[in-house]
Protein backbone atom coordinates (compact mmCIF):
# COMPACT_ATOMS: atom_id res chain seq x y z
CA MET A 1 0.00 0.00 0.00
CA PRO A 2 1.43 3.43 -0.91
CA LYS A 3 2.66 5.45 2.08
CA ARG A 4 0.40 8.38 1.24
CA THR A 5 -2.67 6.17 1.22
CA LEU A 6 -1.69 4.56 4.52
CA LEU A 7 -1.12 7.99 6.10
CA SER A 8 -4.51 9.13 4.85
CA LEU A 9 -6.17 6.14 6.47
CA VAL A 10 -4.41 6.75 9.77
CA LEU A 11 -5.43 10.40 9.75
CA ALA A 12 -9.00 9.51 8.83
CA ALA A 13 -9.19 7.01 11.69
CA ALA A 14 -7.80 9.58 14.12
CA LEU A 15 -10.30 12.19 12.97
CA ALA A 16 -13.14 9.71 13.23
CA GLY A 17 -12.08 8.90 16.78
CA ALA A 18 -11.92 12.58 17.65
CA ALA A 19 -15.38 13.15 16.16
CA ALA A 20 -16.82 10.29 18.19
CA GLN A 21 -15.21 11.69 21.33
CA ALA A 22 -16.59 15.14 20.50
CA GLN A 23 -20.10 13.69 20.54
CA THR A 24 -19.88 12.79 24.23
CA LEU A 25 -21.14 15.34 26.75
CA ARG A 26 -19.60 15.26 30.21
CA TYR A 27 -21.82 17.30 32.50
CA ALA A 28 -22.25 17.87 36.23
CA SER A 29 -24.05 19.54 39.10
CA SER A 30 -23.82 19.45 42.88
CA GLY A 31 -26.46 16.78 43.41
CA ASP A 32 -27.50 13.50 41.87
CA LEU A 33 -30.78 12.12 40.61
CA LEU A 34 -32.61 10.29 43.37
CA THR A 35 -33.96 7.29 41.46
CA LEU A 36 -34.53 5.95 37.94
CA ASP A 37 -38.17 5.18 38.82
CA PRO A 38 -39.97 8.00 36.96
CA HIS A 39 -43.02 8.05 39.26
CA SER A 40 -41.30 7.80 42.64
CA GLN A 41 -39.87 11.28 43.21
CA ASN A 42 -41.03 14.65 41.91
CA GLU A 43 -37.64 16.38 42.04
CA SER A 44 -36.51 18.53 39.15
CA LEU A 45 -33.03 17.08 38.52
CA THR A 46 -34.45 13.56 38.81
CA ASN A 47 -37.27 14.41 36.39
CA MET A 48 -34.86 16.03 33.93
CA MET A 49 -32.53 13.06 33.83
CA ASN A 50 -35.32 10.49 33.68
CA GLY A 51 -36.87 12.62 30.93
CA GLN A 52 -34.02 11.68 28.58
CA VAL A 53 -35.08 8.03 28.89
CA TYR A 54 -38.84 8.18 29.47
CA GLU A 55 -41.41 10.22 27.55
CA ARG A 56 -44.93 11.51 28.13
CA LEU A 57 -47.97 11.95 25.91
CA VAL A 58 -47.16 15.64 25.61
CA MET A 59 -43.88 17.49 26.12
CA ARG A 60 -42.46 20.99 26.58
CA ASP A 61 -40.95 22.65 23.54
CA LYS A 62 -37.98 25.02 23.67
CA GLN A 63 -40.21 27.88 24.82
CA LEU A 64 -42.04 25.66 27.38
CA GLY A 65 -45.14 25.38 25.23
CA ILE A 66 -47.12 22.11 25.12
CA ALA A 67 -46.21 19.95 22.11
CA PRO A 68 -47.00 16.38 20.98
CA GLN A 69 -44.74 13.59 22.16
CA LEU A 70 -46.10 10.04 22.46
CA ALA A 71 -49.52 11.44 21.58
CA GLN A 72 -49.70 12.43 17.92
CA SER A 73 -52.87 14.48 18.29
CA TRP A 74 -55.76 15.12 20.68
CA GLN A 75 -59.17 16.72 20.93
CA GLN A 76 -61.33 17.88 23.80
CA LEU A 77 -64.68 16.16 23.31
CA SER A 78 -66.38 18.00 26.17
CA PRO A 79 -65.36 20.11 29.20
CA THR A 80 -64.51 16.85 31.00
CA LYS A 81 -63.42 14.47 28.23
CA TRP A 82 -60.24 14.27 26.11
CA ARG A 83 -59.27 11.78 23.41
CA PHE A 84 -55.67 11.12 22.29
CA LYS A 85 -54.34 9.41 19.20
CA LEU A 86 -51.04 7.74 20.03
CA ARG A 87 -47.94 7.80 17.88
CA PRO A 88 -47.61 4.56 15.84
CA GLY A 89 -44.38 2.60 15.49
CA VAL A 90 -42.86 3.69 18.80
CA LYS A 91 -40.61 1.16 20.53
CA PHE A 92 -39.38 0.86 24.09
CA HIS A 93 -35.66 0.38 24.56
CA ASP A 94 -36.16 -3.37 24.99
CA GLY A 95 -37.93 -3.56 21.62
CA ALA A 96 -41.51 -3.79 22.91
CA ALA A 97 -44.17 -1.83 21.02
CA PHE A 98 -45.77 1.17 22.73
CA THR A 99 -49.58 0.88 23.00
CA ALA A 100 -52.58 2.27 24.83
CA ASP A 101 -52.15 -0.43 27.50
CA ASP A 102 -48.91 1.25 28.57
CA VAL A 103 -50.66 4.62 28.92
CA VAL A 104 -53.47 3.25 31.07
CA PHE A 105 -51.01 1.31 33.22
CA SER A 106 -48.65 4.28 33.67
CA VAL A 107 -51.37 6.74 34.71
CA GLU A 108 -52.75 4.26 37.22
CA ARG A 109 -49.25 3.50 38.51
CA ALA A 110 -48.46 7.21 38.88
CA ARG A 111 -51.49 7.83 41.10
CA GLN A 112 -50.54 5.20 43.69
CA PRO A 113 -49.63 6.36 47.23
CA SER A 114 -45.88 5.80 46.81
CA SER A 115 -45.82 8.16 43.82
CA GLN A 116 -44.83 11.80 44.36
CA ILE A 117 -46.88 12.85 41.31
CA ALA A 118 -50.08 11.18 42.52
CA ASN A 119 -51.99 14.48 42.75
CA TYR A 120 -51.17 15.33 39.13
CA ALA A 121 -52.09 11.85 37.88
CA ALA A 122 -55.33 11.93 39.86
CA ALA A 123 -56.24 15.26 38.24
CA LEU A 124 -56.26 13.52 34.84
CA GLY A 125 -59.39 11.57 35.77
CA GLU A 126 -60.16 8.06 34.56
CA VAL A 127 -58.26 6.78 31.54
CA LYS A 128 -59.43 3.99 29.27
CA LYS A 129 -58.21 2.28 26.13
CA ILE A 130 -60.35 2.78 23.01
CA ASP A 131 -58.03 0.80 20.75
CA ASP A 132 -54.29 0.07 20.63
CA LEU A 133 -53.50 3.64 19.59
CA THR A 134 -56.33 5.61 21.21
CA VAL A 135 -56.99 6.54 24.84
CA GLU A 136 -59.65 8.64 26.47
CA PHE A 137 -59.56 10.63 29.73
CA THR A 138 -62.71 11.56 31.64
CA GLN A 139 -62.76 13.91 34.63
CA LYS A 140 -65.49 14.40 37.21
CA ALA A 141 -65.13 18.17 36.86
CA PRO A 142 -63.34 20.46 34.38
CA ASN A 143 -59.57 20.65 34.74
CA PRO A 144 -58.34 24.06 33.50
CA ILE A 145 -54.75 22.82 33.10
CA PHE A 146 -55.35 19.23 31.97
CA LEU A 147 -52.59 19.20 29.34
CA GLN A 148 -50.06 20.59 31.80
CA HIS A 149 -50.94 17.88 34.31
CA LEU A 150 -50.54 15.32 31.52
CA ASP A 151 -47.00 16.59 30.96
CA THR A 152 -45.98 15.23 34.39
CA VAL A 153 -46.65 11.51 33.81
CA PHE A 154 -43.90 9.43 32.19
CA ILE A 155 -44.98 6.35 30.25
CA MET A 156 -43.58 2.97 31.29
CA ASN A 157 -43.92 -0.41 29.61
CA LYS A 158 -46.58 -2.47 31.39
CA ALA A 159 -45.04 -5.85 30.51
CA TRP A 160 -41.57 -4.74 31.69
CA CYS A 161 -42.97 -3.53 35.02
CA GLU A 162 -44.86 -6.78 35.51
CA LYS A 163 -41.79 -8.86 34.59
CA TYR A 164 -39.57 -7.10 37.13
CA LYS A 165 -42.28 -6.74 39.81
CA VAL A 166 -42.36 -2.94 39.79
CA VAL A 167 -46.06 -2.37 39.11
CA ARG A 168 -46.13 0.27 41.85
CA PRO A 169 -43.61 3.12 42.30
CA GLN A 170 -40.63 2.75 44.59
CA SER A 171 -41.28 4.02 48.14
CA PHE A 172 -38.27 6.29 48.38
CA LYS A 173 -38.93 7.50 51.91
CA ASP A 174 -38.87 3.89 53.14
CA LYS A 175 -35.54 3.29 51.36
CA GLU A 176 -37.13 0.61 49.21
CA GLU A 177 -34.85 -0.98 46.62
CA THR A 178 -36.57 -1.99 43.38
CA TYR A 179 -35.51 -2.95 39.86
CA ALA A 180 -36.99 0.26 38.42
CA ALA A 181 -34.95 2.37 40.84
CA THR A 182 -31.69 1.25 39.22
CA ASN A 183 -32.80 0.18 35.73
CA ALA A 184 -34.84 1.91 33.04
CA ASN A 185 -36.82 1.05 29.91
CA GLY A 186 -38.35 4.04 28.17
CA THR A 187 -39.11 5.23 24.65
CA GLY A 188 -36.90 8.33 24.81
CA PRO A 189 -33.87 9.45 22.79
CA PHE A 190 -31.32 8.08 25.28
CA GLN A 191 -30.87 4.84 27.20
CA ALA A 192 -29.49 4.70 30.73
CA VAL A 193 -26.60 2.24 30.44
CA ALA A 194 -24.71 2.52 33.75
CA ARG A 195 -25.31 4.11 37.12
CA THR A 196 -23.23 4.55 40.24
CA PRO A 197 -25.36 6.60 42.69
CA GLY A 198 -23.58 9.68 43.97
CA VAL A 199 -20.86 9.33 41.32
CA LYS A 200 -22.05 9.16 37.72
CA THR A 201 -24.80 8.02 35.36
CA SER A 202 -24.11 7.17 31.71
CA TYR A 203 -26.43 7.42 28.71
CA LYS A 204 -26.15 6.43 25.06
CA ARG A 205 -28.24 7.42 22.07
CA PHE A 206 -31.16 5.08 21.33
CA PRO A 207 -30.91 4.29 17.60
CA GLY A 208 -34.56 3.21 17.44
CA TRP A 209 -35.97 6.51 18.71
CA TRP A 210 -38.99 7.71 16.73
CA GLY A 211 -38.03 11.41 16.97
CA LYS A 212 -35.54 13.76 15.35
CA PHE A 213 -32.28 14.74 17.06
CA ASP A 214 -31.50 18.46 16.92
CA GLY A 215 -28.12 17.78 18.53
CA ASN A 216 -25.23 15.45 17.75
CA LEU A 217 -24.68 13.63 21.05
CA GLN A 218 -24.01 9.92 20.93
CA GLU A 219 -23.29 9.60 24.64
CA ALA A 220 -23.65 11.62 27.82
CA VAL A 221 -22.04 11.06 31.19
CA TYR A 222 -23.41 12.86 34.23
CA HIS A 223 -21.12 13.40 37.25
CA GLN A 224 -22.14 14.49 40.71
CA ILE A 225 -19.52 17.00 41.91
CA ALA A 226 -20.71 18.29 45.27
CA ASN A 227 -17.87 20.71 45.96
CA ASP A 228 -18.38 24.09 44.28
CA ALA A 229 -14.70 24.83 43.72
CA THR A 230 -14.05 21.37 42.29
CA ARG A 231 -17.00 21.67 39.93
CA THR A 232 -15.83 25.04 38.63
CA ALA A 233 -12.25 23.85 38.27
CA ALA A 234 -13.39 20.78 36.31
CA LEU A 235 -15.19 23.03 33.83
CA ILE A 236 -12.27 25.43 33.42
CA SER A 237 -9.80 22.60 32.90
CA GLY A 238 -12.04 20.92 30.30
CA GLU A 239 -12.56 17.80 32.38
CA ILE A 240 -16.29 18.65 32.31
CA ASP A 241 -18.11 20.19 29.33
CA PHE A 242 -21.17 21.62 31.06
CA VAL A 243 -22.26 22.63 34.57
CA LEU A 244 -25.94 22.93 35.43
CA ASP A 245 -25.40 24.95 38.60
CA PRO A 246 -22.24 27.10 38.61
CA PRO A 247 -21.81 28.71 42.06
CA PRO A 248 -23.11 32.32 41.97
CA ARG A 249 -19.79 33.67 43.28
CA ASP A 250 -17.97 32.05 40.32
CA VAL A 251 -20.26 33.29 37.54
CA ALA A 252 -18.45 36.61 36.98
CA ARG A 253 -15.08 34.83 36.81
CA LEU A 254 -16.45 32.22 34.39
CA ARG A 255 -17.71 34.98 32.06
CA GLY A 256 -14.13 36.13 31.65
CA THR A 257 -12.53 32.69 31.39
CA SER A 258 -11.14 31.64 28.03
CA GLY A 259 -12.86 28.61 26.57
CA VAL A 260 -15.92 28.97 28.81
CA LYS A 261 -19.29 30.65 28.31
CA VAL A 262 -22.25 31.43 30.60
CA ILE A 263 -25.81 30.92 29.37
CA ASP A 264 -28.16 33.11 31.41
CA GLY A 265 -31.79 32.65 32.33
CA PRO A 266 -34.23 32.83 35.24
CA GLU A 267 -35.65 29.67 36.74
CA ASN A 268 -39.25 28.91 37.64
CA ARG A 269 -38.34 28.05 41.23
CA ILE A 270 -39.27 29.54 44.59
CA ILE A 271 -37.12 28.98 47.67
CA TYR A 272 -39.03 29.16 50.94
CA ILE A 273 -39.16 28.12 54.60
CA GLY A 274 -41.70 25.62 55.89
CA LEU A 275 -42.72 25.31 59.54
CA ASP A 276 -44.40 22.51 61.51
CA GLN A 277 -47.81 23.91 62.46
CA ALA A 278 -49.49 20.67 63.54
CA ARG A 279 -47.61 19.30 66.57
CA ASP A 280 -48.36 20.82 69.96
CA SER A 281 -44.66 20.93 70.85
CA LEU A 282 -41.49 21.19 68.84
CA LEU A 283 -40.14 17.88 67.56
CA TYR A 284 -36.65 19.37 67.26
CA GLY A 285 -36.34 22.28 69.64
CA LYS A 286 -37.31 23.72 73.00
CA SER A 287 -39.56 26.62 73.98
CA PRO A 288 -40.11 28.20 77.45
CA ASP A 289 -43.75 27.08 77.63
CA GLY A 290 -43.18 23.67 76.03
CA LYS A 291 -45.50 24.56 73.17
CA ASN A 292 -44.90 24.82 69.43
CA PRO A 293 -44.32 28.53 68.67
CA PHE A 294 -44.97 27.99 64.95
CA LYS A 295 -48.67 27.48 65.60
CA ASP A 296 -48.85 31.22 66.35
CA VAL A 297 -49.07 33.39 63.24
CA ARG A 298 -47.33 36.21 65.12
CA VAL A 299 -44.20 34.08 65.47
CA ARG A 300 -44.31 33.12 61.79
CA ARG A 301 -44.69 36.78 60.84
CA ALA A 302 -41.86 37.78 63.18
CA MET A 303 -39.50 35.29 61.56
CA TYR A 304 -40.51 36.61 58.13
CA GLN A 305 -39.87 40.25 59.11
CA ALA A 306 -36.50 39.38 60.67
CA ILE A 307 -35.15 38.31 57.27
CA ASP A 308 -32.94 40.85 55.50
CA ILE A 309 -33.71 39.49 52.04
CA GLU A 310 -31.78 42.21 50.20
CA THR A 311 -28.57 41.22 51.98
CA ILE A 312 -29.17 37.60 51.01
CA LYS A 313 -29.73 38.71 47.43
CA SER A 314 -26.66 40.95 47.13
CA LYS A 315 -24.09 39.32 49.41
CA LEU A 316 -24.98 35.65 49.20
CA MET A 317 -26.70 35.21 45.84
CA ASN A 318 -24.57 37.78 43.97
CA ASN A 319 -27.83 39.34 42.73
CA GLN A 320 -28.77 36.02 41.11
CA SER A 321 -32.18 35.92 42.81
CA ALA A 322 -35.51 37.75 42.80
CA PRO A 323 -37.03 38.26 46.27
CA THR A 324 -40.80 37.73 46.43
CA GLY A 325 -43.59 37.68 48.96
CA VAL A 326 -45.48 34.70 47.57
CA VAL A 327 -44.69 31.00 47.46
CA VAL A 328 -45.16 30.15 43.78
CA PRO A 329 -42.44 29.42 41.18
CA SER A 330 -43.34 31.97 38.52
CA PRO A 331 -44.75 35.52 38.75
CA LEU A 332 -47.02 34.51 35.86
CA ALA A 333 -48.96 32.42 38.37
CA SER A 334 -49.66 35.52 40.46
CA PHE A 335 -50.46 37.56 37.32
CA ASN A 336 -47.45 39.76 38.19
CA ASP A 337 -49.72 41.44 40.73
CA PRO A 338 -47.59 43.80 42.90
CA GLU A 339 -49.93 43.33 45.87
CA ILE A 340 -49.42 39.57 45.79
CA GLU A 341 -45.68 39.73 45.07
CA LYS A 342 -44.96 42.32 47.79
CA ARG A 343 -42.96 41.10 50.79
CA LEU A 344 -43.57 41.99 54.41
CA PRO A 345 -40.95 44.66 55.25
CA TYR A 346 -37.69 43.76 56.95
CA ASP A 347 -38.16 45.20 60.43
CA GLN A 348 -36.26 43.73 63.39
CA ALA A 349 -38.04 45.96 65.91
CA LYS A 350 -41.44 44.85 64.65
CA ALA A 351 -40.27 41.23 64.67
CA ARG A 352 -39.14 41.46 68.30
CA ALA A 353 -42.43 43.11 69.26
CA LEU A 354 -44.40 40.28 67.60
CA MET A 355 -42.30 37.69 69.45
CA ALA A 356 -43.02 39.40 72.77
CA GLU A 357 -46.71 39.72 71.96
CA ALA A 358 -46.84 35.98 71.27
CA GLY A 359 -45.17 35.23 74.60
CA TYR A 360 -41.74 34.43 73.24
CA GLY A 361 -39.86 37.59 74.11
CA SER A 362 -37.05 35.43 75.49
CA GLY A 363 -37.03 33.34 72.33
CA PHE A 364 -36.79 29.59 71.84
CA GLU A 365 -34.56 26.93 70.28
CA VAL A 366 -35.18 25.00 67.07
CA THR A 367 -33.39 22.94 64.41
CA LEU A 368 -33.53 24.05 60.77
CA ASP A 369 -33.30 21.12 58.34
CA CYS A 370 -31.61 22.05 55.11
CA PRO A 371 -30.28 20.31 51.97
CA ASN A 372 -26.69 21.07 51.07
CA ASN A 373 -26.64 19.98 47.42
CA ARG A 374 -30.05 20.77 45.95
CA TYR A 375 -30.65 24.52 45.62
CA ILE A 376 -28.29 27.40 44.91
CA ASN A 377 -26.44 28.17 48.17
CA ASP A 378 -28.97 26.15 50.16
CA GLU A 379 -26.84 25.53 53.25
CA GLU A 380 -25.41 29.05 53.13
CA ILE A 381 -28.96 30.49 53.07
CA CYS A 382 -29.85 28.44 56.15
CA VAL A 383 -26.77 29.68 58.00
CA ALA A 384 -27.62 33.29 57.09
CA LEU A 385 -31.23 32.87 58.28
CA ALA A 386 -30.04 31.37 61.56
CA ALA A 387 -27.92 34.48 62.20
CA MET A 388 -30.86 36.78 61.40
CA TRP A 389 -33.29 34.87 63.64
CA ASP A 390 -30.75 34.90 66.46
CA LYS A 391 -31.23 38.69 66.61
CA ILE A 392 -34.88 38.20 67.67
CA GLY A 393 -34.04 35.50 70.23
CA ILE A 394 -34.50 32.33 68.17
CA LYS A 395 -31.52 30.01 68.57
CA VAL A 396 -31.30 27.95 65.40
CA ARG A 397 -29.18 24.86 64.83
CA VAL A 398 -28.65 24.29 61.10
CA ASN A 399 -28.91 20.60 60.22
CA ALA A 400 -27.58 20.40 56.65
CA MET A 401 -27.50 17.13 54.74
CA PRO A 402 -27.41 15.69 51.19
CA LYS A 403 -30.76 15.68 49.41
CA VAL A 404 -30.82 11.89 49.30
CA THR A 405 -31.21 12.02 53.09
CA TYR A 406 -33.11 15.30 53.29
CA PHE A 407 -36.07 14.48 51.04
CA PRO A 408 -37.10 11.23 52.80
CA LYS A 409 -36.79 13.03 56.16
CA THR A 410 -39.17 15.83 55.18
CA GLU A 411 -41.46 13.43 53.34
CA LYS A 412 -42.03 11.66 56.66
CA LEU A 413 -42.70 15.07 58.30
CA ASP A 414 -39.67 14.42 60.49
CA THR A 415 -38.91 18.11 60.86
CA SER A 416 -39.82 21.27 62.76
CA LEU A 417 -38.40 23.86 60.37
CA TYR A 418 -37.07 23.34 56.86
CA LEU A 419 -35.87 25.05 53.69
CA PHE A 420 -37.48 23.87 50.46
CA GLY A 421 -37.73 24.75 46.78
CA TRP A 422 -40.59 24.33 44.34
CA GLY A 423 -40.53 24.73 40.57
CA GLY A 424 -40.82 23.23 37.12
CA ALA A 425 -42.24 23.96 33.68
CA ILE A 426 -45.80 24.75 34.79
CA THR A 427 -46.41 28.43 35.54
CA ASP A 428 -50.06 28.06 36.58
CA ALA A 429 -50.85 28.33 40.30
CA GLU A 430 -52.70 25.00 40.43
CA THR A 431 -49.61 22.82 40.69
CA THR A 432 -48.52 24.81 43.72
CA PHE A 433 -51.94 25.05 45.37
CA THR A 434 -52.92 21.38 45.40
CA PRO A 435 -49.63 19.87 46.65
CA LEU A 436 -48.40 22.77 48.86
CA TYR A 437 -51.34 24.87 50.05
CA ARG A 438 -54.01 22.31 50.86
CA THR A 439 -54.54 20.03 53.85
CA ARG A 440 -52.84 16.67 53.45
CA GLY A 441 -55.26 14.08 52.08
CA ALA A 442 -55.85 11.35 49.52
CA ASN A 443 -54.49 11.21 45.95
CA GLY A 444 -51.48 13.37 46.74
CA VAL A 445 -53.45 16.43 47.86
CA GLY A 446 -51.25 18.37 50.26
CA GLU A 447 -48.39 15.90 49.76
CA TYR A 448 -45.75 18.65 49.93
CA ASN A 449 -47.45 20.44 52.82
CA ARG A 450 -44.64 19.21 55.03
CA GLY A 451 -45.58 21.71 57.76
CA ASN A 452 -48.89 19.82 57.97
CA PHE A 453 -50.99 22.95 58.45
CA SER A 454 -54.73 22.96 57.80
CA ASN A 455 -56.70 26.01 56.71
CA ASP A 456 -60.34 25.47 55.74
CA LYS A 457 -60.56 28.74 53.83
CA LEU A 458 -57.47 27.88 51.78
CA ASP A 459 -58.80 24.39 51.07
CA THR A 460 -62.15 25.71 49.84
CA LEU A 461 -60.69 28.45 47.64
CA ALA A 462 -57.88 26.32 46.20
CA ALA A 463 -60.19 23.39 45.43
CA ALA A 464 -62.62 25.74 43.69
CA SER A 465 -59.86 27.29 41.58
CA SER A 466 -58.82 23.79 40.44
CA ILE A 467 -62.11 23.19 38.62
CA GLU A 468 -63.32 26.69 37.69
CA GLY A 469 -63.64 26.89 33.90
CA ASP A 470 -64.35 30.62 33.64
CA PRO A 471 -60.94 32.42 33.38
CA ALA A 472 -62.09 35.63 35.11
CA LYS A 473 -63.72 33.80 38.02
CA ARG A 474 -60.71 31.51 38.35
CA LYS A 475 -58.31 34.46 38.42
CA GLU A 476 -60.23 35.99 41.31
CA LEU A 477 -60.22 32.70 43.22
CA ILE A 478 -56.45 32.35 42.70
CA LYS A 479 -55.84 35.86 44.02
CA GLN A 480 -57.91 35.09 47.11
CA VAL A 481 -55.84 31.96 47.74
CA PHE A 482 -52.61 33.92 47.58
CA MET A 483 -53.88 36.66 49.88
CA GLU A 484 -55.07 34.16 52.49
CA MET A 485 -51.69 32.41 52.38
CA LYS A 486 -49.90 35.74 52.79
CA GLU A 487 -52.12 36.71 55.71
CA GLN A 488 -51.54 33.45 57.59
CA VAL A 489 -47.84 33.04 56.69
CA HIS A 490 -48.07 29.25 56.51
CA TYR A 491 -44.79 29.48 54.55
CA ILE A 492 -42.08 32.13 54.64
CA PRO A 493 -41.15 33.08 51.04
CA LEU A 494 -37.55 33.93 50.20
CA HIS A 495 -36.71 34.32 46.52
CA ARG A 496 -36.89 32.89 43.02
CA GLN A 497 -33.44 31.71 42.09
CA PHE A 498 -31.73 32.41 38.78
CA ILE A 499 -29.99 29.65 36.89
CA PRO A 500 -27.03 30.66 34.75
CA TRP A 501 -25.58 27.58 33.07
CA ALA A 502 -21.85 27.33 32.31
CA ALA A 503 -20.32 25.42 29.40
CA ARG A 504 -17.23 25.00 27.30
CA GLN A 505 -17.31 27.18 24.18
CA ASN A 506 -17.83 24.14 21.92
CA VAL A 507 -21.08 23.11 23.63
CA ASP A 508 -24.48 24.28 22.32
CA VAL A 509 -27.51 23.90 24.61
CA VAL A 510 -31.08 25.20 24.86
CA HIS A 511 -31.70 27.01 28.18
CA ARG A 512 -35.20 26.52 29.58
CA ALA A 513 -36.73 28.26 32.60
CA ASP A 514 -37.48 24.90 34.21
CA ASN A 515 -33.71 24.23 34.39
CA TRP A 516 -34.09 21.29 32.03
CA LEU A 517 -31.17 20.26 29.81
CA GLU A 518 -32.50 18.28 26.83
CA LEU A 519 -29.76 16.00 25.53
CA ALA A 520 -31.46 15.53 22.15
CA TRP A 521 -31.07 19.30 21.55
CA THR A 522 -27.42 19.44 22.68
CA SER A 523 -24.30 19.43 20.51
CA VAL A 524 -20.59 19.18 21.21
CA LYS A 525 -18.57 20.55 18.29
């Protein structure tokens, strides 16, 4: 063989190898997905990563609009009935055909008690198979955001779940180990091929996917890098291609770093404080009278007014946050109403007066449970709050822990005071009201009301807003819900966090406000 031809072959092989390597995305954030079971945990990072493997009947497009996914088309037959034509020729990763049986099974699985999306699945009503590629949903009352609720339920293969004995979702809070928690079989663009919890999860492109790739990725490897400095250093050195959560204090430096770019955007996510308002005494703490101070609205209001939110915004969040006075992920849900969005003023003197009026002038002790790898500066926020509350006599012990420990703890209501975040693609108030604002009950209602408060007025107004079909009447009901929540301070709102993403210059991504990285839209050049 002529030398020139041999050299050409060697160079071609080297270039081909480089191209293949260039189609692998190495990405990271501070936390890890909690489980591969797509119905077990309603946590954004977990949903995002499972969403590369599993699909739903409808999806979010690049602007967060509703678009077809496993459903090819649909029509609303009446105010309480919807019919969907399913996409033909779709295969699960194990080769099984996708049919209406899988839809019916998945919706029913998702509404079981061990599912964290049970309230959304229940809101879909009853689902039945019309034929192999047609399903019909019937509700008892109109659901104003039916399609958005539908966007929360991933479709699993019925036969696969039966084969591996995972016909109900994993009970994460009980530390249950199931096949679906560590293995996956979806219809999505990527397959989960290897997982080491707390270390990395690997994906490869599914060649039999029905859809169209906008990106060029063949593989993706996700790494959990808990330490902020290590995560930033890995990006700068090129060890990692993309970081989902660059530390706010590093963002300015990253903007000026050669080979790195920052992709800006707000996130639909509210960070807030929850308080146990059900127990008669503190589970984790001590008060002079032996009672639970959080049952007194004056104490809750005092803690709110002792928070210097502007200092948290400027000094801790590097202005990468938007303080608000309402617990809801997006201002669109509150209609950008200044009255609803307005915070109680920071006023230490007023806060101390409220504490004295409530009988706690000498303060009390309590433990604040906090994740340390879930939200931007989560542990640091808790430490800052503890210092602020100390000034009104509340001695706070910050109990920070990884989210894999934190979420089961709060799910079991094993807490007196906690920091939490709530967000996602849906901007309507409903998906905050039903899980967060209402009394805990069946079908996931009040599931995330981890303070276990009960307010009859809130329940009545929120339930009515869930089924009101008239937009003007519903808007008024929603406003009343917000104002009652603000009056009673069942939660203490903090801020909506911003999410700038950081990437190597050769990485192209689509930034969405739900902090969702779609691998099928991502390219590495």
